[in-house]
Amino acid sequence: MLLVYLLGFAPAVMLLTLALALYLTVIELRDMEPRPHFLWWSWWLLLVFMTHFIGYLFLRAYSVYRRWHAARPG
């Protein structure tokens, strides 16, 4: 997002990748079991909006950890 501050505008490619990251975030949250509370949805969406793909990568890591932990016996 530093590029936006330096240029004074957001390039179209950056806006498209942000929209893609937000879309993938919604898909990932929708597939989580049990479904997260709406505050978690807003928290993750805001994190991805502010940090772009780094926030999405954190969401993916959290999702993989939850699935791995749920699949463990005991």
PDB file of N, CA and C in Angstrom:
ATOM      1  N   MET A   1       0.813  -1.189   0.000  1.00  0.00           N
ATOM      2  CA  MET A   1       0.000   0.000   0.000  1.00  0.00           C
ATOM      3  C   MET A   1       0.863   1.262   0.000  1.00  0.00           C
ATOM      4  N   LEU A   2       2.151   1.086   0.215  1.00  0.00           N
ATOM      5  CA  LEU A   2       3.061   2.227   0.160  1.00  0.00           C
ATOM      6  C   LEU A   2       3.071   2.832  -1.235  1.00  0.00           C
ATOM      7  N   LEU A   3       2.918   1.992  -2.251  1.00  0.00           N
ATOM      8  CA  LEU A   3       2.897   2.472  -3.631  1.00  0.00           C
ATOM      9  C   LEU A   3       1.742   3.439  -3.863  1.00  0.00           C
ATOM     10  N   VAL A   4       0.617   3.188  -3.238  1.00  0.00           N
ATOM     11  CA  VAL A   4      -0.543   4.077  -3.378  1.00  0.00           C
ATOM     12  C   VAL A   4      -0.215   5.463  -2.806  1.00  0.00           C
ATOM     13  N   TYR A   5       0.448   5.499  -1.665  1.00  0.00           N
ATOM     14  CA  TYR A   5       0.808   6.783  -1.060  1.00  0.00           C
ATOM     15  C   TYR A   5       1.845   7.526  -1.887  1.00  0.00           C
ATOM     16  N   LEU A   6       2.788   6.806  -2.473  1.00  0.00           N
ATOM     17  CA  LEU A   6       3.818   7.459  -3.275  1.00  0.00           C
ATOM     18  C   LEU A   6       3.274   7.993  -4.594  1.00  0.00           C
ATOM     19  N   LEU A   7       2.416   7.208  -5.243  1.00  0.00           N
ATOM     20  CA  LEU A   7       1.871   7.621  -6.537  1.00  0.00           C
ATOM     21  C   LEU A   7       0.675   8.558  -6.411  1.00  0.00           C
ATOM     22  N   GLY A   8      -0.052   8.442  -5.351  1.00  0.00           N
ATOM     23  CA  GLY A   8      -1.252   9.251  -5.191  1.00  0.00           C
ATOM     24  C   GLY A   8      -2.493   8.601  -5.763  1.00  0.00           C
ATOM     25  N   PHE A   9      -2.330   7.438  -6.395  1.00  0.00           N
ATOM     26  CA  PHE A   9      -3.464   6.691  -6.932  1.00  0.00           C
ATOM     27  C   PHE A   9      -3.113   5.208  -6.891  1.00  0.00           C
ATOM     28  N   ALA A  10      -4.130   4.385  -7.030  1.00  0.00           N
ATOM     29  CA  ALA A  10      -3.914   2.934  -7.000  1.00  0.00           C
ATOM     30  C   ALA A  10      -3.939   2.397  -8.426  1.00  0.00           C
ATOM     31  N   PRO A  11      -2.877   1.727  -8.867  1.00  0.00           N
ATOM     32  CA  PRO A  11      -2.892   1.121 -10.197  1.00  0.00           C
ATOM     33  C   PRO A  11      -3.993   0.063 -10.299  1.00  0.00           C
ATOM     34  N   ALA A  12      -4.487  -0.128 -11.497  1.00  0.00           N
ATOM     35  CA  ALA A  12      -5.587  -1.070 -11.720  1.00  0.00           C
ATOM     36  C   ALA A  12      -5.205  -2.486 -11.320  1.00  0.00           C
ATOM     37  N   VAL A  13      -3.962  -2.882 -11.559  1.00  0.00           N
ATOM     38  CA  VAL A  13      -3.524  -4.231 -11.213  1.00  0.00           C
ATOM     39  C   VAL A  13      -3.594  -4.440  -9.691  1.00  0.00           C
ATOM     40  N   MET A  14      -3.218  -3.416  -8.932  1.00  0.00           N
ATOM     41  CA  MET A  14      -3.258  -3.532  -7.478  1.00  0.00           C
ATOM     42  C   MET A  14      -4.698  -3.661  -6.979  1.00  0.00           C
ATOM     43  N   LEU A  15      -5.596  -2.918  -7.572  1.00  0.00           N
ATOM     44  CA  LEU A  15      -7.005  -3.019  -7.174  1.00  0.00           C
ATOM     45  C   LEU A  15      -7.582  -4.388  -7.524  1.00  0.00           C
ATOM     46  N   LEU A  16      -7.199  -4.925  -8.679  1.00  0.00           N
ATOM     47  CA  LEU A  16      -7.683  -6.249  -9.065  1.00  0.00           C
ATOM     48  C   LEU A  16      -7.142  -7.334  -8.144  1.00  0.00           C
ATOM     49  N   THR A  17      -5.874  -7.249  -7.784  1.00  0.00           N
ATOM     50  CA  THR A  17      -5.329  -8.260  -6.876  1.00  0.00           C
ATOM     51  C   THR A  17      -5.935  -8.139  -5.483  1.00  0.00           C
ATOM     52  N   LEU A  18      -6.245  -6.919  -5.045  1.00  0.00           N
ATOM     53  CA  LEU A  18      -6.911  -6.747  -3.755  1.00  0.00           C
ATOM     54  C   LEU A  18      -8.306  -7.353  -3.794  1.00  0.00           C
ATOM     55  N   ALA A  19      -9.031  -7.119  -4.883  1.00  0.00           N
ATOM     56  CA  ALA A  19     -10.362  -7.708  -5.022  1.00  0.00           C
ATOM     57  C   ALA A  19     -10.274  -9.235  -5.035  1.00  0.00           C
ATOM     58  N   LEU A  20      -9.260  -9.782  -5.694  1.00  0.00           N
ATOM     59  CA  LEU A  20      -9.069 -11.231  -5.721  1.00  0.00           C
ATOM     60  C   LEU A  20      -8.752 -11.771  -4.327  1.00  0.00           C
ATOM     61  N   ALA A  21      -7.903 -11.075  -3.590  1.00  0.00           N
ATOM     62  CA  ALA A  21      -7.564 -11.516  -2.232  1.00  0.00           C
ATOM     63  C   ALA A  21      -8.798 -11.480  -1.325  1.00  0.00           C
ATOM     64  N   LEU A  22      -9.631 -10.452  -1.448  1.00  0.00           N
ATOM     65  CA  LEU A  22     -10.848 -10.376  -0.635  1.00  0.00           C
ATOM     66  C   LEU A  22     -11.829 -11.480  -1.017  1.00  0.00           C
ATOM     67  N   TYR A  23     -11.939 -11.761  -2.313  1.00  0.00           N
ATOM     68  CA  TYR A  23     -12.817 -12.843  -2.770  1.00  0.00           C
ATOM     69  C   TYR A  23     -12.347 -14.185  -2.212  1.00  0.00           C
ATOM     70  N   LEU A  24     -11.041 -14.453  -2.290  1.00  0.00           N
ATOM     71  CA  LEU A  24     -10.508 -15.704  -1.764  1.00  0.00           C
ATOM     72  C   LEU A  24     -10.676 -15.792  -0.246  1.00  0.00           C
ATOM     73  N   THR A  25     -10.627 -14.661   0.429  1.00  0.00           N
ATOM     74  CA  THR A  25     -10.852 -14.641   1.869  1.00  0.00           C
ATOM     75  C   THR A  25     -12.283 -15.057   2.202  1.00  0.00           C
ATOM     76  N   VAL A  26     -13.236 -14.533   1.456  1.00  0.00           N
ATOM     77  CA  VAL A  26     -14.645 -14.904   1.669  1.00  0.00           C
ATOM     78  C   VAL A  26     -14.839 -16.390   1.420  1.00  0.00           C
ATOM     79  N   ILE A  27     -14.237 -16.917   0.350  1.00  0.00           N
ATOM     80  CA  ILE A  27     -14.352 -18.349   0.048  1.00  0.00           C
ATOM     81  C   ILE A  27     -13.758 -19.180   1.181  1.00  0.00           C
ATOM     82  N   GLU A  28     -12.594 -18.772   1.671  1.00  0.00           N
ATOM     83  CA  GLU A  28     -11.926 -19.522   2.749  1.00  0.00           C
ATOM     84  C   GLU A  28     -12.754 -19.485   4.033  1.00  0.00           C
ATOM     85  N   LEU A  29     -13.300 -18.324   4.385  1.00  0.00           N
ATOM     86  CA  LEU A  29     -14.098 -18.215   5.605  1.00  0.00           C
ATOM     87  C   LEU A  29     -15.400 -18.999   5.497  1.00  0.00           C
ATOM     88  N   ARG A  30     -15.966 -19.030   4.305  1.00  0.00           N
ATOM     89  CA  ARG A  30     -17.219 -19.742   4.100  1.00  0.00           C
ATOM     90  C   ARG A  30     -17.045 -21.246   4.284  1.00  0.00           C
ATOM     91  N   ASP A  31     -15.852 -21.767   3.961  1.00  0.00           N
ATOM     92  CA  ASP A  31     -15.607 -23.203   4.046  1.00  0.00           C
ATOM     93  C   ASP A  31     -15.156 -23.662   5.427  1.00  0.00           C
ATOM     94  N   MET A  32     -14.878 -22.732   6.342  1.00  0.00           N
ATOM     95  CA  MET A  32     -14.431 -23.124   7.680  1.00  0.00           C
ATOM     96  C   MET A  32     -15.585 -23.768   8.456  1.00  0.00           C
ATOM     97  N   GLU A  33     -15.242 -24.790   9.211  1.00  0.00           N
ATOM     98  CA  GLU A  33     -16.216 -25.458  10.078  1.00  0.00           C
ATOM     99  C   GLU A  33     -15.704 -25.435  11.494  1.00  0.00           C
ATOM    100  N   PRO A  34     -16.426 -25.035  12.487  1.00  0.00           N
ATOM    101  CA  PRO A  34     -17.698 -24.322  12.401  1.00  0.00           C
ATOM    102  C   PRO A  34     -17.492 -22.921  11.835  1.00  0.00           C
ATOM    103  N   ARG A  35     -18.552 -22.390  11.259  1.00  0.00           N
ATOM    104  CA  ARG A  35     -18.459 -21.078  10.617  1.00  0.00           C
ATOM    105  C   ARG A  35     -18.134 -20.018  11.657  1.00  0.00           C
ATOM    106  N   PRO A  36     -17.174 -19.154  11.330  1.00  0.00           N
ATOM    107  CA  PRO A  36     -16.781 -18.106  12.280  1.00  0.00           C
ATOM    108  C   PRO A  36     -17.899 -17.075  12.497  1.00  0.00           C
ATOM    109  N   HIS A  37     -17.873 -16.450  13.647  1.00  0.00           N
ATOM    110  CA  HIS A  37     -18.796 -15.377  13.988  1.00  0.00           C
ATOM    111  C   HIS A  37     -18.559 -14.198  13.044  1.00  0.00           C
ATOM    112  N   PHE A  38     -19.556 -13.345  12.838  1.00  0.00           N
ATOM    113  CA  PHE A  38     -19.414 -12.243  11.888  1.00  0.00           C
ATOM    114  C   PHE A  38     -18.293 -11.287  12.280  1.00  0.00           C
ATOM    115  N   LEU A  39     -17.956 -11.203  13.575  1.00  0.00           N
ATOM    116  CA  LEU A  39     -16.835 -10.355  13.972  1.00  0.00           C
ATOM    117  C   LEU A  39     -15.509 -10.913  13.462  1.00  0.00           C
ATOM    118  N   TRP A  40     -15.395 -12.255  13.446  1.00  0.00           N
ATOM    119  CA  TRP A  40     -14.204 -12.863  12.862  1.00  0.00           C
ATOM    120  C   TRP A  40     -14.154 -12.591  11.376  1.00  0.00           C
ATOM    121  N   TRP A  41     -15.287 -12.643  10.696  1.00  0.00           N
ATOM    122  CA  TRP A  41     -15.330 -12.339   9.263  1.00  0.00           C
ATOM    123  C   TRP A  41     -14.831 -10.920   9.018  1.00  0.00           C
ATOM    124  N   SER A  42     -15.353  -9.986   9.782  1.00  0.00           N
ATOM    125  CA  SER A  42     -14.949  -8.593   9.566  1.00  0.00           C
ATOM    126  C   SER A  42     -13.478  -8.393   9.918  1.00  0.00           C
ATOM    127  N   TRP A  43     -12.993  -9.080  10.976  1.00  0.00           N
ATOM    128  CA  TRP A  43     -11.588  -8.949  11.347  1.00  0.00           C
ATOM    129  C   TRP A  43     -10.685  -9.456  10.236  1.00  0.00           C
ATOM    130  N   TRP A  44     -10.974 -10.640   9.700  1.00  0.00           N
ATOM    131  CA  TRP A  44     -10.141 -11.192   8.638  1.00  0.00           C
ATOM    132  C   TRP A  44     -10.230 -10.355   7.369  1.00  0.00           C
ATOM    133  N   LEU A  45     -11.432  -9.899   7.013  1.00  0.00           N
ATOM    134  CA  LEU A  45     -11.566  -9.071   5.813  1.00  0.00           C
ATOM    135  C   LEU A  45     -10.803  -7.754   5.954  1.00  0.00           C
ATOM    136  N   LEU A  46     -10.868  -7.142   7.126  1.00  0.00           N
ATOM    137  CA  LEU A  46     -10.110  -5.904   7.334  1.00  0.00           C
ATOM    138  C   LEU A  46      -8.606  -6.155   7.314  1.00  0.00           C
ATOM    139  N   LEU A  47      -8.171  -7.266   7.892  1.00  0.00           N
ATOM    140  CA  LEU A  47      -6.743  -7.593   7.866  1.00  0.00           C
ATOM    141  C   LEU A  47      -6.258  -7.768   6.429  1.00  0.00           C
ATOM    142  N   VAL A  48      -7.015  -8.495   5.624  1.00  0.00           N
ATOM    143  CA  VAL A  48      -6.629  -8.692   4.228  1.00  0.00           C
ATOM    144  C   VAL A  48      -6.704  -7.373   3.468  1.00  0.00           C
ATOM    145  N   PHE A  49      -7.702  -6.560   3.736  1.00  0.00           N
ATOM    146  CA  PHE A  49      -7.816  -5.269   3.053  1.00  0.00           C
ATOM    147  C   PHE A  49      -6.620  -4.375   3.371  1.00  0.00           C
ATOM    148  N   MET A  50      -6.177  -4.378   4.616  1.00  0.00           N
ATOM    149  CA  MET A  50      -5.080  -3.490   5.010  1.00  0.00           C
ATOM    150  C   MET A  50      -3.710  -4.031   4.623  1.00  0.00           C
ATOM    151  N   THR A  51      -3.544  -5.362   4.620  1.00  0.00           N
ATOM    152  CA  THR A  51      -2.220  -5.917   4.370  1.00  0.00           C
ATOM    153  C   THR A  51      -2.109  -6.650   3.043  1.00  0.00           C
ATOM    154  N   HIS A  52      -3.202  -6.720   2.297  1.00  0.00           N
ATOM    155  CA  HIS A  52      -3.225  -7.334   0.976  1.00  0.00           C
ATOM    156  C   HIS A  52      -2.955  -8.819   1.076  1.00  0.00           C
ATOM    157  N   PHE A  53      -2.056  -9.375   0.291  1.00  0.00           N
ATOM    158  CA  PHE A  53      -1.859 -10.821   0.252  1.00  0.00           C
ATOM    159  C   PHE A  53      -1.150 -11.367   1.478  1.00  0.00           C
ATOM    160  N   ILE A  54      -0.424 -10.550   2.199  1.00  0.00           N
ATOM    161  CA  ILE A  54       0.211 -11.031   3.433  1.00  0.00           C
ATOM    162  C   ILE A  54      -0.866 -11.452   4.439  1.00  0.00           C
ATOM    163  N   GLY A  55      -1.918 -10.647   4.561  1.00  0.00           N
ATOM    164  CA  GLY A  55      -3.033 -11.007   5.436  1.00  0.00           C
ATOM    165  C   GLY A  55      -3.735 -12.264   4.964  1.00  0.00           C
ATOM    166  N   TYR A  56      -3.861 -12.427   3.638  1.00  0.00           N
ATOM    167  CA  TYR A  56      -4.483 -13.638   3.108  1.00  0.00           C
ATOM    168  C   TYR A  56      -3.633 -14.868   3.413  1.00  0.00           C
ATOM    169  N   LEU A  57      -2.319 -14.718   3.336  1.00  0.00           N
ATOM    170  CA  LEU A  57      -1.438 -15.840   3.663  1.00  0.00           C
ATOM    171  C   LEU A  57      -1.564 -16.224   5.134  1.00  0.00           C
ATOM    172  N   PHE A  58      -1.726 -15.237   6.016  1.00  0.00           N
ATOM    173  CA  PHE A  58      -1.965 -15.533   7.432  1.00  0.00           C
ATOM    174  C   PHE A  58      -3.276 -16.292   7.612  1.00  0.00           C
ATOM    175  N   LEU A  59      -4.304 -15.901   6.880  1.00  0.00           N
ATOM    176  CA  LEU A  59      -5.589 -16.606   6.955  1.00  0.00           C
ATOM    177  C   LEU A  59      -5.429 -18.043   6.489  1.00  0.00           C
ATOM    178  N   ARG A  60      -4.698 -18.265   5.400  1.00  0.00           N
ATOM    179  CA  ARG A  60      -4.481 -19.622   4.897  1.00  0.00           C
ATOM    180  C   ARG A  60      -3.743 -20.466   5.935  1.00  0.00           C
ATOM    181  N   ALA A  61      -2.723 -19.887   6.551  1.00  0.00           N
ATOM    182  CA  ALA A  61      -1.971 -20.617   7.571  1.00  0.00           C
ATOM    183  C   ALA A  61      -2.870 -20.962   8.755  1.00  0.00           C
ATOM    184  N   TYR A  62      -3.705 -20.025   9.185  1.00  0.00           N
ATOM    185  CA  TYR A  62      -4.636 -20.266  10.290  1.00  0.00           C
ATOM    186  C   TYR A  62      -5.633 -21.366   9.919  1.00  0.00           C
ATOM    187  N   SER A  63      -6.123 -21.338   8.693  1.00  0.00           N
ATOM    188  CA  SER A  63      -7.085 -22.334   8.238  1.00  0.00           C
ATOM    189  C   SER A  63      -6.456 -23.726   8.185  1.00  0.00           C
ATOM    190  N   VAL A  64      -5.239 -23.812   7.683  1.00  0.00           N
ATOM    191  CA  VAL A  64      -4.550 -25.103   7.630  1.00  0.00           C
ATOM    192  C   VAL A  64      -4.299 -25.618   9.040  1.00  0.00           C
ATOM    193  N   TYR A  65      -3.907 -24.743   9.952  1.00  0.00           N
ATOM    194  CA  TYR A  65      -3.685 -25.149  11.342  1.00  0.00           C
ATOM    195  C   TYR A  65      -4.973 -25.687  11.968  1.00  0.00           C
ATOM    196  N   ARG A  66      -6.104 -24.995  11.732  1.00  0.00           N
ATOM    197  CA  ARG A  66      -7.380 -25.463  12.286  1.00  0.00           C
ATOM    198  C   ARG A  66      -7.753 -26.826  11.740  1.00  0.00           C
ATOM    199  N   ARG A  67      -7.577 -27.022  10.423  1.00  0.00           N
ATOM    200  CA  ARG A  67      -7.918 -28.314   9.823  1.00  0.00           C
ATOM    201  C   ARG A  67      -7.004 -29.410  10.348  1.00  0.00           C
ATOM    202  N   TRP A  68      -5.718 -29.118  10.469  1.00  0.00           N
ATOM    203  CA  TRP A  68      -4.760 -30.101  10.966  1.00  0.00           C
ATOM    204  C   TRP A  68      -5.056 -30.454  12.415  1.00  0.00           C
ATOM    205  N   HIS A  69      -5.376 -29.450  13.200  1.00  0.00           N
ATOM    206  CA  HIS A  69      -5.663 -29.687  14.620  1.00  0.00           C
ATOM    207  C   HIS A  69      -6.969 -30.462  14.787  1.00  0.00           C
ATOM    208  N   ALA A  70      -7.959 -30.198  13.946  1.00  0.00           N
ATOM    209  CA  ALA A  70      -9.243 -30.904  14.038  1.00  0.00           C
ATOM    210  C   ALA A  70      -9.108 -32.361  13.598  1.00  0.00           C
ATOM    211  N   ALA A  71      -8.171 -32.646  12.707  1.00  0.00           N
ATOM    212  CA  ALA A  71      -8.015 -34.001  12.186  1.00  0.00           C
ATOM    213  C   ALA A  71      -7.193 -34.883  13.113  1.00  0.00           C
ATOM    214  N   ARG A  72      -6.520 -34.302  14.078  1.00  0.00           N
ATOM    215  CA  ARG A  72      -5.695 -35.083  15.005  1.00  0.00           C
ATOM    216  C   ARG A  72      -6.591 -35.888  15.928  1.00  0.00           C
ATOM    217  N   PRO A  73      -6.232 -37.142  16.152  1.00  0.00           N
ATOM    218  CA  PRO A  73      -7.045 -37.950  17.071  1.00  0.00           C
ATOM    219  C   PRO A  73      -6.810 -37.533  18.519  1.00  0.00           C
ATOM    220  N   GLY A  74      -7.857 -37.627  19.294  1.00  0.00           N
ATOM    221  CA  GLY A  74      -7.732 -37.381  20.729  1.00  0.00           C
ATOM    222  C   GLY A  74      -8.004 -36.039  21.093  1.00  0.00           C
TER     223      GLY A  74
END
